[in-house]
Protein backbone atom coordinates (compact mmCIF):
# COMPACT_ATOMS: atom_id res chain seq x y z
CA MET A 1 0.12 0.14 -0.06
CA LEU A 2 2.83 2.33 0.75
CA HIS A 3 4.42 2.04 -2.55
CA ALA A 4 1.03 2.74 -4.28
CA TRP A 5 0.50 5.90 -2.13
CA LEU A 6 4.28 7.14 -2.80
CA ARG A 7 4.50 6.57 -6.63
CA GLY A 8 5.60 9.50 -8.06
CA LEU A 9 8.40 10.47 -5.82
CA PRO A 10 11.66 11.04 -7.81
CA PRO A 11 14.24 8.39 -7.77
CA SER A 12 16.54 10.63 -5.53
CA ILE A 13 14.22 9.48 -2.62
CA GLN A 14 14.63 5.79 -2.14
CA ILE A 15 11.58 4.25 -0.26
CA CYS A 16 12.57 1.28 2.08
CA PRO A 17 9.18 -0.29 3.37
CA LEU A 18 9.47 -2.17 6.54
CA GLN A 19 7.65 -5.44 6.20
CA LEU A 20 6.09 -6.52 9.43
CA PRO A 21 5.70 -10.25 10.37
CA GLY A 22 2.31 -11.63 9.24
CA ARG A 23 2.34 -9.78 6.08
CA GLU A 24 3.03 -10.29 2.29
CA ASN A 25 6.56 -12.08 1.86
CA ARG A 26 6.57 -12.53 5.69
CA ARG A 27 3.06 -14.04 5.90
CA THR A 28 4.07 -17.42 7.37
CA GLU A 29 5.39 -15.54 10.39
CA PRO A 30 3.12 -15.02 13.17
CA PRO A 31 2.18 -11.21 13.61
CA LEU A 32 3.53 -9.31 16.86
CA HIS A 33 0.97 -8.14 19.34
CA ARG A 34 3.08 -5.79 21.37
CA LEU A 35 5.15 -2.78 20.25
CA PRO A 36 8.49 -3.03 22.15
CA PRO A 37 9.73 -6.39 20.76
CA LEU A 38 8.62 -4.99 17.22
CA ILE A 39 10.73 -1.88 17.83
CA THR A 40 13.66 -4.01 18.66
CA HIS A 41 13.29 -6.32 15.80
CA LEU A 42 13.08 -3.39 13.42
CA ALA A 43 15.88 -1.39 14.74
CA ASP A 44 18.24 -4.46 14.53
CA ALA A 45 17.08 -5.16 11.01
CA ILE A 46 17.68 -1.43 9.65
CA ASP A 47 20.97 -0.83 11.44
CA PRO A 48 23.22 -1.72 8.48
CA LEU A 49 21.05 0.64 6.22
CA LEU A 50 21.59 3.74 8.07
CA GLN A 51 24.40 5.17 6.24
CA ARG A 52 22.67 8.05 4.47
CA PRO A 53 20.10 10.78 5.58
CA PHE A 54 17.05 9.04 6.25
CA VAL A 55 13.20 9.92 7.33
CA PHE A 56 10.78 7.79 9.07
CA PHE A 57 7.26 7.88 7.63
CA GLY A 58 4.34 6.05 9.35
CA HIS A 59 0.61 6.17 8.82
CA SER A 60 -1.82 5.41 11.62
CA MET A 61 -0.17 2.49 13.56
CA GLY A 62 2.94 3.23 11.52
CA ALA A 63 3.20 6.59 12.89
CA LEU A 64 3.56 5.14 16.35
CA ILE A 65 6.31 2.80 15.06
CA ALA A 66 8.21 5.56 13.39
CA PHE A 67 8.21 7.46 16.55
CA GLU A 68 9.26 4.70 18.71
CA LEU A 69 11.74 3.64 16.17
CA ALA A 70 13.40 6.88 16.11
CA ARG A 71 13.64 6.97 19.95
CA GLU A 72 15.07 3.52 19.94
CA LEU A 73 17.97 4.34 17.59
CA ARG A 74 18.67 7.47 19.91
CA ARG A 75 18.82 5.21 22.91
CA ARG A 76 21.27 3.08 20.98
CA GLY A 77 23.52 5.98 19.90
CA GLY A 78 23.00 5.12 16.49
CA PRO A 79 22.58 7.56 13.47
CA ALA A 80 19.73 10.12 14.10
CA CYS A 81 16.64 10.20 11.89
CA ALA A 82 16.71 13.38 9.85
CA LYS A 83 12.84 13.80 10.09
CA VAL A 84 9.83 11.91 11.49
CA LEU A 85 6.49 12.03 9.26
CA ALA A 86 3.62 11.07 11.32
CA SER A 87 0.21 10.62 9.50
CA ALA A 88 -3.27 9.95 10.85
CA ARG A 89 -2.56 9.19 14.49
CA ILE A 90 -2.87 10.83 17.81
CA ALA A 91 0.11 12.15 19.48
CA PRO A 92 1.68 9.09 21.49
CA GLN A 93 1.32 10.82 25.02
CA GLU A 94 -2.49 11.29 24.51
CA ALA A 95 -4.84 8.56 25.56
CA THR A 96 -7.42 7.60 22.90
CA ALA A 97 -11.20 8.20 24.08
CA MET A 98 -11.98 5.12 21.60
CA PRO A 99 -13.00 1.78 23.05
CA PRO A 100 -10.73 -1.26 22.59
CA ILE A 101 -12.02 -3.43 19.97
CA GLY A 102 -9.15 -5.90 19.27
CA GLY A 103 -10.70 -8.55 21.47
CA LEU A 104 -14.15 -8.31 20.14
CA PRO A 105 -15.67 -11.39 18.41
CA GLU A 106 -15.30 -11.29 14.68
CA PRO A 107 -18.50 -9.69 13.54
CA GLU A 108 -18.44 -6.99 16.18
CA PHE A 109 -14.67 -6.58 15.41
CA LEU A 110 -15.20 -6.07 11.85
CA ALA A 111 -18.10 -3.83 12.18
CA ALA A 112 -16.14 -1.67 14.63
CA LEU A 113 -13.12 -1.58 12.47
CA GLN A 114 -15.13 -0.34 9.50
CA ALA A 115 -16.91 2.26 11.31
CA ARG A 116 -13.87 3.67 12.68
CA TYR A 117 -11.35 3.39 9.65
CA ARG A 118 -13.16 1.76 6.66
CA ALA A 119 -9.80 -0.28 6.60
CA VAL A 120 -11.13 -3.43 4.83
CA PRO A 121 -12.35 -3.25 1.19
CA ASP A 122 -15.57 -4.84 0.23
CA ALA A 123 -13.94 -7.48 -1.90
CA ILE A 124 -11.90 -8.66 0.80
CA LEU A 125 -15.03 -8.71 3.46
CA ALA A 126 -16.88 -10.91 1.05
CA ASP A 127 -13.92 -13.47 0.47
CA ARG A 128 -13.71 -15.80 3.40
CA ASP A 129 -10.30 -17.16 2.44
CA MET A 130 -8.86 -13.50 2.17
CA MET A 131 -10.40 -12.70 5.70
CA ALA A 132 -8.72 -15.56 7.21
CA VAL A 133 -5.44 -14.23 6.25
CA TYR A 134 -6.21 -10.71 6.96
CA LEU A 135 -8.22 -10.87 10.34
CA PRO A 136 -5.15 -12.19 12.60
CA VAL A 137 -2.97 -9.19 11.31
CA LEU A 138 -5.71 -6.71 11.73
CA ARG A 139 -6.20 -7.88 15.36
CA ALA A 140 -2.54 -8.03 16.08
CA ASP A 141 -2.52 -4.39 14.98
CA LEU A 142 -5.25 -3.31 17.00
CA THR A 143 -4.19 -5.23 19.90
CA MET A 144 -0.49 -3.74 19.69
CA VAL A 145 -1.99 -0.07 19.52
CA GLU A 146 -4.33 -0.78 22.39
CA HIS A 147 -1.66 -2.12 24.74
CA TYR A 148 0.73 0.49 23.99
CA VAL A 149 2.20 2.42 26.89
CA TYR A 150 4.03 5.79 26.41
CA ALA A 151 7.09 6.27 28.49
CA PRO A 152 8.19 9.94 28.78
CA GLU A 153 11.47 10.75 27.24
CA PRO A 154 13.16 13.95 26.12
CA PRO A 155 11.80 15.33 22.85
CA LEU A 156 13.44 14.09 19.69
CA ASP A 157 15.81 16.91 18.17
CA CYS A 158 14.80 16.14 14.75
CA PRO A 159 11.96 17.98 12.69
CA MET A 160 8.63 16.50 12.62
CA ALA A 161 5.95 16.82 10.21
CA VAL A 162 2.30 15.68 10.96
CA LEU A 163 -0.12 15.01 8.27
CA GLY A 164 -4.01 14.35 8.83
CA GLY A 165 -7.25 14.08 6.82
CA MET A 166 -9.90 16.69 7.42
CA ASP A 167 -12.73 13.93 7.77
CA ASP A 168 -10.67 11.49 9.57
CA PRO A 169 -12.99 10.27 12.44
CA SER A 170 -10.05 8.75 14.48
CA VAL A 171 -8.05 11.91 14.94
CA THR A 172 -8.75 15.76 14.90
CA ARG A 173 -6.29 18.53 13.92
CA SER A 174 -6.17 19.44 17.79
CA GLN A 175 -5.00 15.88 18.51
CA LEU A 176 -2.57 16.15 15.67
CA GLU A 177 -1.01 19.33 17.24
CA GLU A 178 -0.17 17.44 20.32
CA TRP A 179 2.73 15.76 18.67
CA ARG A 180 4.53 19.21 19.01
CA GLY A 181 5.80 18.23 22.38
CA GLN A 182 7.76 15.33 20.99
CA THR A 183 10.34 17.38 19.03
CA SER A 184 12.52 20.23 20.06
CA ALA A 185 13.00 21.25 16.41
CA GLU A 186 10.74 22.51 13.53
CA PHE A 187 7.17 21.08 13.77
CA THR A 188 4.40 21.36 11.17
CA VAL A 189 0.79 20.13 10.79
CA ARG A 190 -0.75 19.54 7.27
CA MET A 191 -4.41 18.64 6.66
CA PHE A 192 -5.70 17.06 3.55
CA PRO A 193 -9.07 16.45 2.11
CA GLY A 194 -10.34 13.01 2.92
CA ASN A 195 -10.69 10.51 5.78
CA HIS A 196 -8.26 8.26 7.52
CA PHE A 197 -6.81 6.92 4.21
CA PHE A 198 -6.39 10.38 2.63
CA PRO A 199 -3.02 9.44 1.18
CA ARG A 200 -5.01 7.04 -1.29
CA THR A 201 -7.78 9.43 -2.21
CA CYS A 202 -5.65 12.52 -2.17
CA ARG A 203 -2.49 11.13 -3.49
CA GLU A 204 -1.15 13.54 -5.82
CA ALA A 205 -1.27 16.39 -2.91
CA PHE A 206 0.16 13.74 -0.41
CA VAL A 207 3.09 12.71 -2.53
CA GLN A 208 4.05 16.49 -3.07
CA ALA A 209 3.83 17.20 0.35
CA VAL A 210 6.18 14.17 1.45
CA ARG A 211 8.56 15.27 -1.52
CA ASN A 212 8.76 18.77 0.06
CA GLU A 213 9.45 17.43 3.43
CA CYS A 214 12.40 15.21 1.99
CA ASP A 215 13.92 17.76 -0.46
CA VAL A 216 16.07 19.43 2.07
CA PHE A 217 17.89 16.26 2.79
CA LEU A 218 18.71 15.46 -0.99
């Protein structure tokens, strides 16, 4: 999905998607249900790749991963992230008012997931075999987010840009503004027409915004 969203970026910006367990070419691996072991796993995996300036981008749960991965690299004394781009996610220090849904029975879980995010296309919902593949991953993602515990640390010293959809029911602009406390450097918020998946429905403007955020490092 990330590749489709970011199609149109210049070759000078190399996209390196982080493939999580339980997805695509790692589908045979069980998905993780807690964030700390995932962050450790990802930090170990990307360590050999951090020889050039790099920017972390994450959407929804991915924004939380990008943020915690930047903090983990700092704890390790490794190369610093040049910028964090966080999309469609409340600030990590803020508690969500939304009730947990990860442990609900399948019909209630899917209904709540669709009402909140419209995350599953109708074609997949109608395909039992596809749902058997996607459902454990969706549950793992929701469980990971719902069990996340924020640990206070000094703000990052890299710039941060936060992106959001104007009609996203899961996060408001004021909630996106709360990310400001997580950086001591430049901070911006940009809103786009659309809901939680505005990068898909407003792709041209989204891609241009990502390019603008990365141009300074080229």
